[in-house]
Amino acid sequence: MAGEAMTEIWLGILLTLGIAFLLLGCVGVIVFVMVKGSEWWLDRRQARRFAEAAARGEFEKAETAAQRAFQPGGTTDLAV
């Protein structure tokens, strides 16, 4: 009887810790996406603009897109 009670207590503790770590992981993913995901997405858009302009032979637009993508200090120009 005492062994079964200890087993149930340990299973309850493991279940509680598992749920807590799952929630903590979800919060961590949300914070990471809020901080880094937006920069990654904007950089990807700039790279796509460069590739499309270069493929069409519009080298001035490609150069402008490259300059916007590689600004110093990690800043991103949101102008289209």
PDB file of N, CA and C in Angstrom:
ATOM      1  N   MET A   1       0.823  -1.192   0.000  1.00  0.00           N
ATOM      2  CA  MET A   1       0.000   0.000   0.000  1.00  0.00           C
ATOM      3  C   MET A   1       0.866   1.254   0.000  1.00  0.00           C
ATOM      4  N   ALA A   2       1.922   1.273   0.815  1.00  0.00           N
ATOM      5  CA  ALA A   2       2.768   2.458   0.894  1.00  0.00           C
ATOM      6  C   ALA A   2       3.549   2.643  -0.401  1.00  0.00           C
ATOM      7  N   GLY A   3       3.944   1.542  -1.050  1.00  0.00           N
ATOM      8  CA  GLY A   3       4.683   1.616  -2.311  1.00  0.00           C
ATOM      9  C   GLY A   3       3.838   2.219  -3.422  1.00  0.00           C
ATOM     10  N   GLU A   4       2.554   1.881  -3.439  1.00  0.00           N
ATOM     11  CA  GLU A   4       1.659   2.434  -4.466  1.00  0.00           C
ATOM     12  C   GLU A   4       1.461   3.929  -4.264  1.00  0.00           C
ATOM     13  N   ALA A   5       1.383   4.356  -3.019  1.00  0.00           N
ATOM     14  CA  ALA A   5       1.201   5.785  -2.736  1.00  0.00           C
ATOM     15  C   ALA A   5       2.429   6.574  -3.164  1.00  0.00           C
ATOM     16  N   MET A   6       3.615   6.043  -2.899  1.00  0.00           N
ATOM     17  CA  MET A   6       4.839   6.729  -3.319  1.00  0.00           C
ATOM     18  C   MET A   6       4.930   6.812  -4.841  1.00  0.00           C
ATOM     19  N   THR A   7       4.512   5.733  -5.513  1.00  0.00           N
ATOM     20  CA  THR A   7       4.533   5.727  -6.973  1.00  0.00           C
ATOM     21  C   THR A   7       3.606   6.802  -7.525  1.00  0.00           C
ATOM     22  N   GLU A   8       2.421   6.918  -6.935  1.00  0.00           N
ATOM     23  CA  GLU A   8       1.467   7.939  -7.390  1.00  0.00           C
ATOM     24  C   GLU A   8       1.984   9.348  -7.124  1.00  0.00           C
ATOM     25  N   ILE A   9       2.648   9.532  -6.008  1.00  0.00           N
ATOM     26  CA  ILE A   9       3.218  10.847  -5.691  1.00  0.00           C
ATOM     27  C   ILE A   9       4.288  11.212  -6.720  1.00  0.00           C
ATOM     28  N   TRP A  10       5.192  10.253  -7.013  1.00  0.00           N
ATOM     29  CA  TRP A  10       6.262  10.534  -7.982  1.00  0.00           C
ATOM     30  C   TRP A  10       5.710  10.779  -9.380  1.00  0.00           C
ATOM     31  N   LEU A  11       4.705  10.015  -9.769  1.00  0.00           N
ATOM     32  CA  LEU A  11       4.085  10.250 -11.077  1.00  0.00           C
ATOM     33  C   LEU A  11       3.424  11.625 -11.138  1.00  0.00           C
ATOM     34  N   GLY A  12       2.804  12.036 -10.050  1.00  0.00           N
ATOM     35  CA  GLY A  12       2.204  13.366  -9.990  1.00  0.00           C
ATOM     36  C   GLY A  12       3.248  14.466 -10.102  1.00  0.00           C
ATOM     37  N   ILE A  13       4.366  14.269  -9.420  1.00  0.00           N
ATOM     38  CA  ILE A  13       5.455  15.259  -9.484  1.00  0.00           C
ATOM     39  C   ILE A  13       6.005  15.335 -10.909  1.00  0.00           C
ATOM     40  N   LEU A  14       6.245  14.193 -11.530  1.00  0.00           N
ATOM     41  CA  LEU A  14       6.766  14.178 -12.896  1.00  0.00           C
ATOM     42  C   LEU A  14       5.789  14.819 -13.877  1.00  0.00           C
ATOM     43  N   LEU A  15       4.513  14.553 -13.720  1.00  0.00           N
ATOM     44  CA  LEU A  15       3.499  15.153 -14.579  1.00  0.00           C
ATOM     45  C   LEU A  15       3.474  16.665 -14.414  1.00  0.00           C
ATOM     46  N   THR A  16       3.534  17.138 -13.182  1.00  0.00           N
ATOM     47  CA  THR A  16       3.537  18.577 -12.906  1.00  0.00           C
ATOM     48  C   THR A  16       4.777  19.243 -13.490  1.00  0.00           C
ATOM     49  N   LEU A  17       5.935  18.623 -13.303  1.00  0.00           N
ATOM     50  CA  LEU A  17       7.166  19.187 -13.864  1.00  0.00           C
ATOM     51  C   LEU A  17       7.139  19.179 -15.393  1.00  0.00           C
ATOM     52  N   GLY A  18       6.611  18.124 -15.973  1.00  0.00           N
ATOM     53  CA  GLY A  18       6.504  18.047 -17.429  1.00  0.00           C
ATOM     54  C   GLY A  18       5.647  19.161 -17.993  1.00  0.00           C
ATOM     55  N   ILE A  19       4.509  19.419 -17.380  1.00  0.00           N
ATOM     56  CA  ILE A  19       3.623  20.498 -17.829  1.00  0.00           C
ATOM     57  C   ILE A  19       4.296  21.849 -17.640  1.00  0.00           C
ATOM     58  N   ALA A  20       4.992  22.027 -16.519  1.00  0.00           N
ATOM     59  CA  ALA A  20       5.672  23.302 -16.266  1.00  0.00           C
ATOM     60  C   ALA A  20       6.759  23.553 -17.309  1.00  0.00           C
ATOM     61  N   PHE A  21       7.567  22.541 -17.631  1.00  0.00           N
ATOM     62  CA  PHE A  21       8.616  22.707 -18.645  1.00  0.00           C
ATOM     63  C   PHE A  21       8.031  22.939 -20.033  1.00  0.00           C
ATOM     64  N   LEU A  22       6.914  22.300 -20.329  1.00  0.00           N
ATOM     65  CA  LEU A  22       6.251  22.518 -21.615  1.00  0.00           C
ATOM     66  C   LEU A  22       5.780  23.969 -21.744  1.00  0.00           C
ATOM     67  N   LEU A  23       5.161  24.493 -20.719  1.00  0.00           N
ATOM     68  CA  LEU A  23       4.706  25.884 -20.740  1.00  0.00           C
ATOM     69  C   LEU A  23       5.883  26.850 -20.803  1.00  0.00           C
ATOM     70  N   LEU A  24       6.933  26.558 -20.063  1.00  0.00           N
ATOM     71  CA  LEU A  24       8.133  27.404 -20.104  1.00  0.00           C
ATOM     72  C   LEU A  24       8.760  27.395 -21.504  1.00  0.00           C
ATOM     73  N   GLY A  25       8.778  26.250 -22.142  1.00  0.00           N
ATOM     74  CA  GLY A  25       9.290  26.153 -23.506  1.00  0.00           C
ATOM     75  C   GLY A  25       8.459  26.953 -24.489  1.00  0.00           C
ATOM     76  N   CYS A  26       7.136  26.905 -24.338  1.00  0.00           N
ATOM     77  CA  CYS A  26       6.254  27.686 -25.218  1.00  0.00           C
ATOM     78  C   CYS A  26       6.501  29.178 -25.048  1.00  0.00           C
ATOM     79  N   VAL A  27       6.647  29.632 -23.828  1.00  0.00           N
ATOM     80  CA  VAL A  27       6.936  31.043 -23.584  1.00  0.00           C
ATOM     81  C   VAL A  27       8.287  31.414 -24.186  1.00  0.00           C
ATOM     82  N   GLY A  28       9.280  30.554 -24.041  1.00  0.00           N
ATOM     83  CA  GLY A  28      10.595  30.814 -24.625  1.00  0.00           C
ATOM     84  C   GLY A  28      10.548  30.918 -26.134  1.00  0.00           C
ATOM     85  N   VAL A  29       9.791  30.051 -26.788  1.00  0.00           N
ATOM     86  CA  VAL A  29       9.656  30.105 -28.249  1.00  0.00           C
ATOM     87  C   VAL A  29       8.975  31.398 -28.669  1.00  0.00           C
ATOM     88  N   ILE A  30       7.943  31.798 -27.971  1.00  0.00           N
ATOM     89  CA  ILE A  30       7.234  33.035 -28.305  1.00  0.00           C
ATOM     90  C   ILE A  30       8.161  34.233 -28.169  1.00  0.00           C
ATOM     91  N   VAL A  31       8.928  34.294 -27.101  1.00  0.00           N
ATOM     92  CA  VAL A  31       9.856  35.412 -26.900  1.00  0.00           C
ATOM     93  C   VAL A  31      10.934  35.405 -27.986  1.00  0.00           C
ATOM     94  N   PHE A  32      11.463  34.239 -28.318  1.00  0.00           N
ATOM     95  CA  PHE A  32      12.491  34.154 -29.359  1.00  0.00           C
ATOM     96  C   PHE A  32      11.961  34.642 -30.705  1.00  0.00           C
ATOM     97  N   VAL A  33      10.755  34.228 -31.062  1.00  0.00           N
ATOM     98  CA  VAL A  33      10.170  34.651 -32.336  1.00  0.00           C
ATOM     99  C   VAL A  33       9.911  36.148 -32.337  1.00  0.00           C
ATOM    100  N   MET A  34       9.482  36.689 -31.214  1.00  0.00           N
ATOM    101  CA  MET A  34       9.235  38.129 -31.136  1.00  0.00           C
ATOM    102  C   MET A  34      10.532  38.921 -31.299  1.00  0.00           C
ATOM    103  N   VAL A  35      11.633  38.402 -30.755  1.00  0.00           N
ATOM    104  CA  VAL A  35      12.895  39.144 -30.783  1.00  0.00           C
ATOM    105  C   VAL A  35      13.665  38.904 -32.082  1.00  0.00           C
ATOM    106  N   LYS A  36      13.855  37.660 -32.467  1.00  0.00           N
ATOM    107  CA  LYS A  36      14.712  37.331 -33.606  1.00  0.00           C
ATOM    108  C   LYS A  36      13.945  37.031 -34.886  1.00  0.00           C
ATOM    109  N   GLY A  37      12.752  36.539 -34.771  1.00  0.00           N
ATOM    110  CA  GLY A  37      12.009  36.119 -35.959  1.00  0.00           C
ATOM    111  C   GLY A  37      11.703  37.255 -36.907  1.00  0.00           C
ATOM    112  N   SER A  38      11.387  38.428 -36.378  1.00  0.00           N
ATOM    113  CA  SER A  38      11.052  39.546 -37.248  1.00  0.00           C
ATOM    114  C   SER A  38      12.265  40.006 -38.037  1.00  0.00           C
ATOM    115  N   GLU A  39      13.454  40.018 -37.415  1.00  0.00           N
ATOM    116  CA  GLU A  39      14.672  40.393 -38.132  1.00  0.00           C
ATOM    117  C   GLU A  39      14.974  39.381 -39.229  1.00  0.00           C
ATOM    118  N   TRP A  40      14.821  38.110 -38.930  1.00  0.00           N
ATOM    119  CA  TRP A  40      15.086  37.067 -39.907  1.00  0.00           C
ATOM    120  C   TRP A  40      14.147  37.203 -41.097  1.00  0.00           C
ATOM    121  N   TRP A  41      12.868  37.468 -40.840  1.00  0.00           N
ATOM    122  CA  TRP A  41      11.881  37.565 -41.917  1.00  0.00           C
ATOM    123  C   TRP A  41      12.174  38.769 -42.806  1.00  0.00           C
ATOM    124  N   LEU A  42      12.540  39.904 -42.220  1.00  0.00           N
ATOM    125  CA  LEU A  42      12.847  41.092 -43.013  1.00  0.00           C
ATOM    126  C   LEU A  42      14.102  40.874 -43.851  1.00  0.00           C
ATOM    127  N   ASP A  43      15.125  40.225 -43.299  1.00  0.00           N
ATOM    128  CA  ASP A  43      16.333  39.922 -44.056  1.00  0.00           C
ATOM    129  C   ASP A  43      16.016  39.002 -45.229  1.00  0.00           C
ATOM    130  N   ARG A  44      15.134  38.056 -45.007  1.00  0.00           N
ATOM    131  CA  ARG A  44      14.755  37.124 -46.066  1.00  0.00           C
ATOM    132  C   ARG A  44      14.014  37.858 -47.182  1.00  0.00           C
ATOM    133  N   ARG A  45      13.147  38.795 -46.823  1.00  0.00           N
ATOM    134  CA  ARG A  45      12.436  39.582 -47.844  1.00  0.00           C
ATOM    135  C   ARG A  45      13.403  40.404 -48.667  1.00  0.00           C
ATOM    136  N   GLN A  46      14.400  41.002 -48.013  1.00  0.00           N
ATOM    137  CA  GLN A  46      15.394  41.805 -48.740  1.00  0.00           C
ATOM    138  C   GLN A  46      16.191  40.920 -49.702  1.00  0.00           C
ATOM    139  N   ALA A  47      16.552  39.733 -49.273  1.00  0.00           N
ATOM    140  CA  ALA A  47      17.301  38.822 -50.140  1.00  0.00           C
ATOM    141  C   ALA A  47      16.458  38.410 -51.344  1.00  0.00           C
ATOM    142  N   ARG A  48      15.177  38.175 -51.134  1.00  0.00           N
ATOM    143  CA  ARG A  48      14.301  37.815 -52.247  1.00  0.00           C
ATOM    144  C   ARG A  48      14.176  38.965 -53.241  1.00  0.00           C
ATOM    145  N   ARG A  49      14.057  40.208 -52.729  1.00  0.00           N
ATOM    146  CA  ARG A  49      13.987  41.364 -53.623  1.00  0.00           C
ATOM    147  C   ARG A  49      15.246  41.491 -54.471  1.00  0.00           C
ATOM    148  N   PHE A  50      16.406  41.262 -53.846  1.00  0.00           N
ATOM    149  CA  PHE A  50      17.674  41.324 -54.567  1.00  0.00           C
ATOM    150  C   PHE A  50      17.708  40.266 -55.667  1.00  0.00           C
ATOM    151  N   ALA A  51      17.335  39.037 -55.337  1.00  0.00           N
ATOM    152  CA  ALA A  51      17.393  37.951 -56.318  1.00  0.00           C
ATOM    153  C   ALA A  51      16.440  38.205 -57.479  1.00  0.00           C
ATOM    154  N   GLU A  52      15.236  38.693 -57.196  1.00  0.00           N
ATOM    155  CA  GLU A  52      14.271  38.966 -58.265  1.00  0.00           C
ATOM    156  C   GLU A  52      14.750  40.093 -59.166  1.00  0.00           C
ATOM    157  N   ALA A  53      15.285  41.153 -58.580  1.00  0.00           N
ATOM    158  CA  ALA A  53      15.765  42.273 -59.382  1.00  0.00           C
ATOM    159  C   ALA A  53      16.970  41.865 -60.226  1.00  0.00           C
ATOM    160  N   ALA A  54      17.870  41.081 -59.661  1.00  0.00           N
ATOM    161  CA  ALA A  54      19.044  40.638 -60.418  1.00  0.00           C
ATOM    162  C   ALA A  54      18.635  39.719 -61.564  1.00  0.00           C
ATOM    163  N   ALA A  55      17.636  38.871 -61.335  1.00  0.00           N
ATOM    164  CA  ALA A  55      17.178  37.959 -62.383  1.00  0.00           C
ATOM    165  C   ALA A  55      16.538  38.723 -63.539  1.00  0.00           C
ATOM    166  N   ARG A  56      15.884  39.836 -63.247  1.00  0.00           N
ATOM    167  CA  ARG A  56      15.255  40.643 -64.306  1.00  0.00           C
ATOM    168  C   ARG A  56      16.254  41.569 -64.992  1.00  0.00           C
ATOM    169  N   GLY A  57      17.455  41.643 -64.449  1.00  0.00           N
ATOM    170  CA  GLY A  57      18.456  42.513 -65.039  1.00  0.00           C
ATOM    171  C   GLY A  57      18.361  43.950 -64.553  1.00  0.00           C
ATOM    172  N   GLU A  58      17.618  44.195 -63.511  1.00  0.00           N
ATOM    173  CA  GLU A  58      17.467  45.541 -62.948  1.00  0.00           C
ATOM    174  C   GLU A  58      18.522  45.709 -61.853  1.00  0.00           C
ATOM    175  N   PHE A  59      19.723  45.986 -62.282  1.00  0.00           N
ATOM    176  CA  PHE A  59      20.849  45.966 -61.353  1.00  0.00           C
ATOM    177  C   PHE A  59      20.837  47.140 -60.374  1.00  0.00           C
ATOM    178  N   GLU A  60      20.240  48.263 -60.754  1.00  0.00           N
ATOM    179  CA  GLU A  60      20.148  49.387 -59.811  1.00  0.00           C
ATOM    180  C   GLU A  60      19.216  49.035 -58.656  1.00  0.00           C
ATOM    181  N   LYS A  61      18.094  48.375 -58.958  1.00  0.00           N
ATOM    182  CA  LYS A  61      17.180  47.943 -57.894  1.00  0.00           C
ATOM    183  C   LYS A  61      17.833  46.850 -57.040  1.00  0.00           C
ATOM    184  N   ALA A  62      18.600  45.986 -57.665  1.00  0.00           N
ATOM    185  CA  ALA A  62      19.289  44.936 -56.914  1.00  0.00           C
ATOM    186  C   ALA A  62      20.316  45.547 -55.965  1.00  0.00           C
ATOM    187  N   GLU A  63      21.022  46.560 -56.450  1.00  0.00           N
ATOM    188  CA  GLU A  63      22.010  47.219 -55.591  1.00  0.00           C
ATOM    189  C   GLU A  63      21.328  47.922 -54.418  1.00  0.00           C
ATOM    190  N   THR A  64      20.195  48.572 -54.681  1.00  0.00           N
ATOM    191  CA  THR A  64      19.445  49.236 -53.607  1.00  0.00           C
ATOM    192  C   THR A  64      18.966  48.215 -52.580  1.00  0.00           C
ATOM    193  N   ALA A  65      18.467  47.082 -53.048  1.00  0.00           N
ATOM    194  CA  ALA A  65      17.999  46.035 -52.128  1.00  0.00           C
ATOM    195  C   ALA A  65      19.159  45.492 -51.294  1.00  0.00           C
ATOM    196  N   ALA A  66      20.328  45.326 -51.909  1.00  0.00           N
ATOM    197  CA  ALA A  66      21.494  44.829 -51.169  1.00  0.00           C
ATOM    198  C   ALA A  66      21.946  45.844 -50.120  1.00  0.00           C
ATOM    199  N   GLN A  67      21.916  47.125 -50.460  1.00  0.00           N
ATOM    200  CA  GLN A  67      22.303  48.147 -49.484  1.00  0.00           C
ATOM    201  C   GLN A  67      21.347  48.164 -48.298  1.00  0.00           C
ATOM    202  N   ARG A  68      20.060  48.000 -48.560  1.00  0.00           N
ATOM    203  CA  ARG A  68      19.084  47.965 -47.460  1.00  0.00           C
ATOM    204  C   ARG A  68      19.279  46.736 -46.588  1.00  0.00           C
ATOM    205  N   ALA A  69      19.627  45.615 -47.209  1.00  0.00           N
ATOM    206  CA  ALA A  69      19.773  44.365 -46.465  1.00  0.00           C
ATOM    207  C   ALA A  69      21.011  44.363 -45.579  1.00  0.00           C
ATOM    208  N   PHE A  70      22.064  45.075 -45.994  1.00  0.00           N
ATOM    209  CA  PHE A  70      23.324  45.038 -45.264  1.00  0.00           C
ATOM    210  C   PHE A  70      23.651  46.362 -44.605  1.00  0.00           C
ATOM    211  N   GLN A  71      22.673  46.943 -43.926  1.00  0.00           N
ATOM    212  CA  GLN A  71      22.921  48.178 -43.205  1.00  0.00           C
ATOM    213  C   GLN A  71      23.721  47.884 -41.950  1.00  0.00           C
ATOM    214  N   PRO A  72      24.568  48.816 -41.528  1.00  0.00           N
ATOM    215  CA  PRO A  72      25.366  48.567 -40.316  1.00  0.00           C
ATOM    216  C   PRO A  72      24.515  48.596 -39.054  1.00  0.00           C
ATOM    217  N   GLY A  73      24.959  47.870 -38.062  1.00  0.00           N
ATOM    218  CA  GLY A  73      24.300  47.896 -36.760  1.00  0.00           C
ATOM    219  C   GLY A  73      23.053  47.058 -36.663  1.00  0.00           C
ATOM    220  N   GLY A  74      22.782  46.227 -37.653  1.00  0.00           N
ATOM    221  CA  GLY A  74      21.620  45.353 -37.587  1.00  0.00           C
ATOM    222  C   GLY A  74      20.299  46.059 -37.797  1.00  0.00           C
ATOM    223  N   THR A  75      20.317  47.297 -38.283  1.00  0.00           N
ATOM    224  CA  THR A  75      19.058  47.993 -38.539  1.00  0.00           C
ATOM    225  C   THR A  75      18.498  47.529 -39.865  1.00  0.00           C
ATOM    226  N   THR A  76      17.207  47.585 -39.978  1.00  0.00           N
ATOM    227  CA  THR A  76      16.534  47.159 -41.200  1.00  0.00           C
ATOM    228  C   THR A  76      15.646  48.291 -41.674  1.00  0.00           C
ATOM    229  N   ASP A  77      15.760  48.626 -42.938  1.00  0.00           N
ATOM    230  CA  ASP A  77      14.936  49.661 -43.531  1.00  0.00           C
ATOM    231  C   ASP A  77      13.616  49.044 -43.956  1.00  0.00           C
ATOM    232  N   LEU A  78      12.511  49.575 -43.459  1.00  0.00           N
ATOM    233  CA  LEU A  78      11.215  48.999 -43.774  1.00  0.00           C
ATOM    234  C   LEU A  78      10.593  49.583 -45.027  1.00  0.00           C
ATOM    235  N   ALA A  79      11.237  50.558 -45.646  1.00  0.00           N
ATOM    236  CA  ALA A  79      10.699  51.163 -46.861  1.00  0.00           C
ATOM    237  C   ALA A  79      10.757  50.156 -47.996  1.00  0.00           C
ATOM    238  N   VAL A  80       9.725  50.205 -48.818  1.00  0.00           N
ATOM    239  CA  VAL A  80       9.642  49.253 -49.934  1.00  0.00           C
ATOM    240  C   VAL A  80      10.211  49.877 -51.180  1.00  0.00           C
TER     241      VAL A  80
END
